[in-house]
Amino acid sequence: TLNAFKVFDPEGKGVLKKDYVTQMLTTQADRFSAEEMEQMFTAFPPDVAGNLDYKNLVHIITHGEEKDQE
């Protein structure tokens, strides 16, 4: 799952712009609906700059709890 996001993050920053994630997930392969996108961003809100921490998102999806904040 993490590798799927890394493809879109060639600089390895660990974050992707909310608008970019929305575009990719609503236009490619198994498309998300607007409601599904809203649910995802409610559960995993982007930061004030509009970035989604996809590493934390993947960790929560695969492990069921938030990473320790350092």
PDB file of N, CA and C in Angstrom:
ATOM      1  N   THR A   1       0.824  -1.187   0.000  1.00  0.00           N
ATOM      2  CA  THR A   1       0.000   0.000   0.000  1.00  0.00           C
ATOM      3  C   THR A   1       0.872   1.256   0.000  1.00  0.00           C
ATOM      4  N   LEU A   2       1.907   1.251   0.813  1.00  0.00           N
ATOM      5  CA  LEU A   2       2.792   2.412   0.873  1.00  0.00           C
ATOM      6  C   LEU A   2       3.464   2.654  -0.473  1.00  0.00           C
ATOM      7  N   ASN A   3       3.847   1.595  -1.156  1.00  0.00           N
ATOM      8  CA  ASN A   3       4.504   1.738  -2.459  1.00  0.00           C
ATOM      9  C   ASN A   3       3.603   2.414  -3.482  1.00  0.00           C
ATOM     10  N   ALA A   4       2.304   2.207  -3.370  1.00  0.00           N
ATOM     11  CA  ALA A   4       1.367   2.855  -4.292  1.00  0.00           C
ATOM     12  C   ALA A   4       1.457   4.371  -4.161  1.00  0.00           C
ATOM     13  N   PHE A   5       1.575   4.880  -2.948  1.00  0.00           N
ATOM     14  CA  PHE A   5       1.705   6.323  -2.737  1.00  0.00           C
ATOM     15  C   PHE A   5       3.095   6.820  -3.118  1.00  0.00           C
ATOM     16  N   LYS A   6       4.124   6.019  -2.857  1.00  0.00           N
ATOM     17  CA  LYS A   6       5.496   6.431  -3.161  1.00  0.00           C
ATOM     18  C   LYS A   6       5.691   6.714  -4.644  1.00  0.00           C
ATOM     19  N   VAL A   7       4.939   6.035  -5.494  1.00  0.00           N
ATOM     20  CA  VAL A   7       5.025   6.267  -6.936  1.00  0.00           C
ATOM     21  C   VAL A   7       4.742   7.731  -7.258  1.00  0.00           C
ATOM     22  N   PHE A   8       3.847   8.347  -6.499  1.00  0.00           N
ATOM     23  CA  PHE A   8       3.444   9.730  -6.739  1.00  0.00           C
ATOM     24  C   PHE A   8       4.254  10.735  -5.918  1.00  0.00           C
ATOM     25  N   ASP A   9       5.244  10.244  -5.185  1.00  0.00           N
ATOM     26  CA  ASP A   9       6.081  11.087  -4.326  1.00  0.00           C
ATOM     27  C   ASP A   9       7.557  10.815  -4.626  1.00  0.00           C
ATOM     28  N   PRO A  10       8.017  11.174  -5.827  1.00  0.00           N
ATOM     29  CA  PRO A  10       9.393  10.849  -6.215  1.00  0.00           C
ATOM     30  C   PRO A  10      10.462  11.487  -5.331  1.00  0.00           C
ATOM     31  N   GLU A  11      10.131  12.576  -4.652  1.00  0.00           N
ATOM     32  CA  GLU A  11      11.092  13.232  -3.762  1.00  0.00           C
ATOM     33  C   GLU A  11      11.119  12.589  -2.379  1.00  0.00           C
ATOM     34  N   GLY A  12      10.188  11.660  -2.098  1.00  0.00           N
ATOM     35  CA  GLY A  12      10.167  10.943  -0.828  1.00  0.00           C
ATOM     36  C   GLY A  12       9.836  11.798   0.375  1.00  0.00           C
ATOM     37  N   LYS A  13       9.011  12.812   0.191  1.00  0.00           N
ATOM     38  CA  LYS A  13       8.647  13.717   1.284  1.00  0.00           C
ATOM     39  C   LYS A  13       7.671  13.082   2.279  1.00  0.00           C
ATOM     40  N   GLY A  14       6.921  12.078   1.831  1.00  0.00           N
ATOM     41  CA  GLY A  14       5.961  11.433   2.726  1.00  0.00           C
ATOM     42  C   GLY A  14       4.605  12.104   2.758  1.00  0.00           C
ATOM     43  N   VAL A  15       4.439  13.148   1.957  1.00  0.00           N
ATOM     44  CA  VAL A  15       3.155  13.845   1.881  1.00  0.00           C
ATOM     45  C   VAL A  15       2.801  14.095   0.420  1.00  0.00           C
ATOM     46  N   LEU A  16       1.516  14.183   0.167  1.00  0.00           N
ATOM     47  CA  LEU A  16       1.002  14.522  -1.158  1.00  0.00           C
ATOM     48  C   LEU A  16      -0.074  15.579  -0.991  1.00  0.00           C
ATOM     49  N   LYS A  17      -0.203  16.461  -1.957  1.00  0.00           N
ATOM     50  CA  LYS A  17      -1.241  17.492  -1.909  1.00  0.00           C
ATOM     51  C   LYS A  17      -2.624  16.852  -1.962  1.00  0.00           C
ATOM     52  N   LYS A  18      -3.532  17.362  -1.136  1.00  0.00           N
ATOM     53  CA  LYS A  18      -4.903  16.861  -1.078  1.00  0.00           C
ATOM     54  C   LYS A  18      -5.544  16.865  -2.462  1.00  0.00           C
ATOM     55  N   ASP A  19      -5.385  17.951  -3.201  1.00  0.00           N
ATOM     56  CA  ASP A  19      -6.000  18.049  -4.527  1.00  0.00           C
ATOM     57  C   ASP A  19      -5.465  16.983  -5.472  1.00  0.00           C
ATOM     58  N   TYR A  20      -4.178  16.696  -5.378  1.00  0.00           N
ATOM     59  CA  TYR A  20      -3.562  15.677  -6.227  1.00  0.00           C
ATOM     60  C   TYR A  20      -4.092  14.287  -5.867  1.00  0.00           C
ATOM     61  N   VAL A  21      -4.175  13.995  -4.573  1.00  0.00           N
ATOM     62  CA  VAL A  21      -4.710  12.706  -4.120  1.00  0.00           C
ATOM     63  C   VAL A  21      -6.149  12.554  -4.594  1.00  0.00           C
ATOM     64  N   THR A  22      -6.937  13.607  -4.454  1.00  0.00           N
ATOM     65  CA  THR A  22      -8.328  13.571  -4.911  1.00  0.00           C
ATOM     66  C   THR A  22      -8.393  13.291  -6.400  1.00  0.00           C
ATOM     67  N   GLN A  23      -7.586  13.990  -7.178  1.00  0.00           N
ATOM     68  CA  GLN A  23      -7.581  13.774  -8.629  1.00  0.00           C
ATOM     69  C   GLN A  23      -7.222  12.329  -8.962  1.00  0.00           C
ATOM     70  N   MET A  24      -6.184  11.806  -8.351  1.00  0.00           N
ATOM     71  CA  MET A  24      -5.728  10.450  -8.657  1.00  0.00           C
ATOM     72  C   MET A  24      -6.757   9.396  -8.244  1.00  0.00           C
ATOM     73  N   LEU A  25      -7.349   9.562  -7.071  1.00  0.00           N
ATOM     74  CA  LEU A  25      -8.266   8.538  -6.566  1.00  0.00           C
ATOM     75  C   LEU A  25      -9.662   8.611  -7.181  1.00  0.00           C
ATOM     76  N   THR A  26      -9.984   9.711  -7.825  1.00  0.00           N
ATOM     77  CA  THR A  26     -11.311   9.817  -8.448  1.00  0.00           C
ATOM     78  C   THR A  26     -11.271   9.636  -9.956  1.00  0.00           C
ATOM     79  N   THR A  27     -10.075   9.523 -10.532  1.00  0.00           N
ATOM     80  CA  THR A  27      -9.987   9.391 -11.990  1.00  0.00           C
ATOM     81  C   THR A  27      -9.253   8.141 -12.460  1.00  0.00           C
ATOM     82  N   GLN A  28      -8.626   7.403 -11.569  1.00  0.00           N
ATOM     83  CA  GLN A  28      -7.820   6.245 -11.957  1.00  0.00           C
ATOM     84  C   GLN A  28      -8.405   4.945 -11.399  1.00  0.00           C
ATOM     85  N   ALA A  29      -8.280   3.870 -12.160  1.00  0.00           N
ATOM     86  CA  ALA A  29      -8.608   2.499 -11.732  1.00  0.00           C
ATOM     87  C   ALA A  29      -9.945   2.427 -10.981  1.00  0.00           C
ATOM     88  N   ASP A  30      -9.921   1.892  -9.756  1.00  0.00           N
ATOM     89  CA  ASP A  30     -11.141   1.793  -8.944  1.00  0.00           C
ATOM     90  C   ASP A  30     -11.407   3.160  -8.327  1.00  0.00           C
ATOM     91  N   ARG A  31     -12.203   3.939  -9.006  1.00  0.00           N
ATOM     92  CA  ARG A  31     -12.408   5.345  -8.631  1.00  0.00           C
ATOM     93  C   ARG A  31     -13.182   5.498  -7.324  1.00  0.00           C
ATOM     94  N   PHE A  32     -12.725   6.440  -6.513  1.00  0.00           N
ATOM     95  CA  PHE A  32     -13.428   6.807  -5.297  1.00  0.00           C
ATOM     96  C   PHE A  32     -14.536   7.785  -5.666  1.00  0.00           C
ATOM     97  N   SER A  33     -15.636   7.719  -4.923  1.00  0.00           N
ATOM     98  CA  SER A  33     -16.707   8.696  -5.103  1.00  0.00           C
ATOM     99  C   SER A  33     -16.367   9.949  -4.289  1.00  0.00           C
ATOM    100  N   ALA A  34     -17.097  11.019  -4.540  1.00  0.00           N
ATOM    101  CA  ALA A  34     -16.898  12.253  -3.771  1.00  0.00           C
ATOM    102  C   ALA A  34     -17.143  11.989  -2.289  1.00  0.00           C
ATOM    103  N   GLU A  35     -18.140  11.164  -1.984  1.00  0.00           N
ATOM    104  CA  GLU A  35     -18.444  10.827  -0.585  1.00  0.00           C
ATOM    105  C   GLU A  35     -17.286  10.055   0.054  1.00  0.00           C
ATOM    106  N   GLU A  36     -16.702   9.126  -0.674  1.00  0.00           N
ATOM    107  CA  GLU A  36     -15.565   8.367  -0.145  1.00  0.00           C
ATOM    108  C   GLU A  36     -14.367   9.273   0.111  1.00  0.00           C
ATOM    109  N   MET A  37     -14.142  10.234  -0.779  1.00  0.00           N
ATOM    110  CA  MET A  37     -13.043  11.182  -0.582  1.00  0.00           C
ATOM    111  C   MET A  37     -13.293  12.035   0.661  1.00  0.00           C
ATOM    112  N   GLU A  38     -14.527  12.486   0.824  1.00  0.00           N
ATOM    113  CA  GLU A  38     -14.876  13.289   1.998  1.00  0.00           C
ATOM    114  C   GLU A  38     -14.653  12.490   3.280  1.00  0.00           C
ATOM    115  N   GLN A  39     -15.059  11.221   3.272  1.00  0.00           N
ATOM    116  CA  GLN A  39     -14.865  10.363   4.443  1.00  0.00           C
ATOM    117  C   GLN A  39     -13.380  10.182   4.752  1.00  0.00           C
ATOM    118  N   MET A  40     -12.582   9.980   3.716  1.00  0.00           N
ATOM    119  CA  MET A  40     -11.150   9.786   3.924  1.00  0.00           C
ATOM    120  C   MET A  40     -10.515  11.041   4.515  1.00  0.00           C
ATOM    121  N   PHE A  41     -10.849  12.218   3.971  1.00  0.00           N
ATOM    122  CA  PHE A  41     -10.240  13.447   4.465  1.00  0.00           C
ATOM    123  C   PHE A  41     -10.797  13.857   5.825  1.00  0.00           C
ATOM    124  N   THR A  42     -11.961  13.366   6.198  1.00  0.00           N
ATOM    125  CA  THR A  42     -12.468  13.587   7.551  1.00  0.00           C
ATOM    126  C   THR A  42     -11.667  12.743   8.536  1.00  0.00           C
ATOM    127  N   ALA A  43     -11.402  11.496   8.158  1.00  0.00           N
ATOM    128  CA  ALA A  43     -10.638  10.595   9.021  1.00  0.00           C
ATOM    129  C   ALA A  43      -9.148  10.931   9.031  1.00  0.00           C
ATOM    130  N   PHE A  44      -8.638  11.404   7.907  1.00  0.00           N
ATOM    131  CA  PHE A  44      -7.215  11.714   7.747  1.00  0.00           C
ATOM    132  C   PHE A  44      -7.067  13.117   7.166  1.00  0.00           C
ATOM    133  N   PRO A  45      -7.332  14.144   7.963  1.00  0.00           N
ATOM    134  CA  PRO A  45      -7.311  15.511   7.424  1.00  0.00           C
ATOM    135  C   PRO A  45      -5.913  15.946   6.998  1.00  0.00           C
ATOM    136  N   PRO A  46      -5.846  16.671   5.887  1.00  0.00           N
ATOM    137  CA  PRO A  46      -4.561  17.225   5.467  1.00  0.00           C
ATOM    138  C   PRO A  46      -4.136  18.351   6.409  1.00  0.00           C
ATOM    139  N   ASP A  47      -2.847  18.691   6.371  1.00  0.00           N
ATOM    140  CA  ASP A  47      -2.364  19.790   7.204  1.00  0.00           C
ATOM    141  C   ASP A  47      -2.810  21.132   6.618  1.00  0.00           C
ATOM    142  N   VAL A  48      -2.419  22.216   7.265  1.00  0.00           N
ATOM    143  CA  VAL A  48      -2.870  23.543   6.831  1.00  0.00           C
ATOM    144  C   VAL A  48      -2.386  23.909   5.431  1.00  0.00           C
ATOM    145  N   ALA A  49      -1.312  23.272   4.967  1.00  0.00           N
ATOM    146  CA  ALA A  49      -0.795  23.526   3.618  1.00  0.00           C
ATOM    147  C   ALA A  49      -1.483  22.645   2.573  1.00  0.00           C
ATOM    148  N   GLY A  50      -2.424  21.795   3.038  1.00  0.00           N
ATOM    149  CA  GLY A  50      -3.142  20.928   2.107  1.00  0.00           C
ATOM    150  C   GLY A  50      -2.424  19.631   1.795  1.00  0.00           C
ATOM    151  N   ASN A  51      -1.470  19.237   2.642  1.00  0.00           N
ATOM    152  CA  ASN A  51      -0.716  18.005   2.432  1.00  0.00           C
ATOM    153  C   ASN A  51      -1.304  16.851   3.225  1.00  0.00           C
ATOM    154  N   LEU A  52      -1.364  15.696   2.601  1.00  0.00           N
ATOM    155  CA  LEU A  52      -1.828  14.474   3.249  1.00  0.00           C
ATOM    156  C   LEU A  52      -0.610  13.633   3.602  1.00  0.00           C
ATOM    157  N   ASP A  53      -0.461  13.295   4.879  1.00  0.00           N
ATOM    158  CA  ASP A  53       0.638  12.438   5.341  1.00  0.00           C
ATOM    159  C   ASP A  53       0.273  10.998   5.002  1.00  0.00           C
ATOM    160  N   TYR A  54       0.662  10.561   3.811  1.00  0.00           N
ATOM    161  CA  TYR A  54       0.240   9.239   3.364  1.00  0.00           C
ATOM    162  C   TYR A  54       0.931   8.114   4.131  1.00  0.00           C
ATOM    163  N   LYS A  55       2.100   8.366   4.691  1.00  0.00           N
ATOM    164  CA  LYS A  55       2.764   7.325   5.484  1.00  0.00           C
ATOM    165  C   LYS A  55       1.938   7.020   6.731  1.00  0.00           C
ATOM    166  N   ASN A  56       1.429   8.054   7.383  1.00  0.00           N
ATOM    167  CA  ASN A  56       0.576   7.862   8.552  1.00  0.00           C
ATOM    168  C   ASN A  56      -0.745   7.205   8.148  1.00  0.00           C
ATOM    169  N   LEU A  57      -1.308   7.630   7.027  1.00  0.00           N
ATOM    170  CA  LEU A  57      -2.545   7.040   6.513  1.00  0.00           C
ATOM    171  C   LEU A  57      -2.373   5.541   6.302  1.00  0.00           C
ATOM    172  N   VAL A  58      -1.297   5.140   5.635  1.00  0.00           N
ATOM    173  CA  VAL A  58      -1.043   3.723   5.377  1.00  0.00           C
ATOM    174  C   VAL A  58      -0.820   2.972   6.683  1.00  0.00           C
ATOM    175  N   HIS A  59      -0.098   3.579   7.617  1.00  0.00           N
ATOM    176  CA  HIS A  59       0.141   2.925   8.907  1.00  0.00           C
ATOM    177  C   HIS A  59      -1.178   2.657   9.634  1.00  0.00           C
ATOM    178  N   ILE A  60      -2.053   3.644   9.646  1.00  0.00           N
ATOM    179  CA  ILE A  60      -3.340   3.477  10.323  1.00  0.00           C
ATOM    180  C   ILE A  60      -4.185   2.422   9.622  1.00  0.00           C
ATOM    181  N   ILE A  61      -4.184   2.419   8.296  1.00  0.00           N
ATOM    182  CA  ILE A  61      -4.953   1.420   7.550  1.00  0.00           C
ATOM    183  C   ILE A  61      -4.442   0.016   7.852  1.00  0.00           C
ATOM    184  N   THR A  62      -3.122  -0.153   7.907  1.00  0.00           N
ATOM    185  CA  THR A  62      -2.554  -1.487   8.088  1.00  0.00           C
ATOM    186  C   THR A  62      -2.426  -1.913   9.544  1.00  0.00           C
ATOM    187  N   HIS A  63      -2.311  -0.963  10.468  1.00  0.00           N
ATOM    188  CA  HIS A  63      -2.113  -1.299  11.876  1.00  0.00           C
ATOM    189  C   HIS A  63      -3.260  -0.874  12.787  1.00  0.00           C
ATOM    190  N   GLY A  64      -4.134  -0.007  12.308  1.00  0.00           N
ATOM    191  CA  GLY A  64      -5.309   0.366  13.080  1.00  0.00           C
ATOM    192  C   GLY A  64      -5.096   1.408  14.156  1.00  0.00           C
ATOM    193  N   GLU A  65      -3.957   2.026  14.216  1.00  0.00           N
ATOM    194  CA  GLU A  65      -3.746   3.088  15.198  1.00  0.00           C
ATOM    195  C   GLU A  65      -2.734   4.082  14.675  1.00  0.00           C
ATOM    196  N   GLU A  66      -2.745   5.265  15.278  1.00  0.00           N
ATOM    197  CA  GLU A  66      -1.877   6.338  14.816  1.00  0.00           C
ATOM    198  C   GLU A  66      -0.429   6.075  15.208  1.00  0.00           C
ATOM    199  N   LYS A  67       0.502   6.467  14.323  1.00  0.00           N
ATOM    200  CA  LYS A  67       1.934   6.357  14.627  1.00  0.00           C
ATOM    201  C   LYS A  67       2.256   7.233  15.824  1.00  0.00           C
ATOM    202  N   ASP A  68       3.293   6.836  16.549  1.00  0.00           N
ATOM    203  CA  ASP A  68       3.782   7.689  17.629  1.00  0.00           C
ATOM    204  C   ASP A  68       4.286   8.985  17.029  1.00  0.00           C
ATOM    205  N   GLN A  69       3.856  10.079  17.588  1.00  0.00           N
ATOM    206  CA  GLN A  69       4.307  11.385  17.114  1.00  0.00           C
ATOM    207  C   GLN A  69       5.617  11.717  17.811  1.00  0.00           C
ATOM    208  N   GLU A  70       6.661  11.967  17.046  1.00  0.00           N
ATOM    209  CA  GLU A  70       7.978  12.250  17.623  1.00  0.00           C
ATOM    210  C   GLU A  70       8.243  13.724  17.643  1.00  0.00           C
TER     211      GLU A  70
END
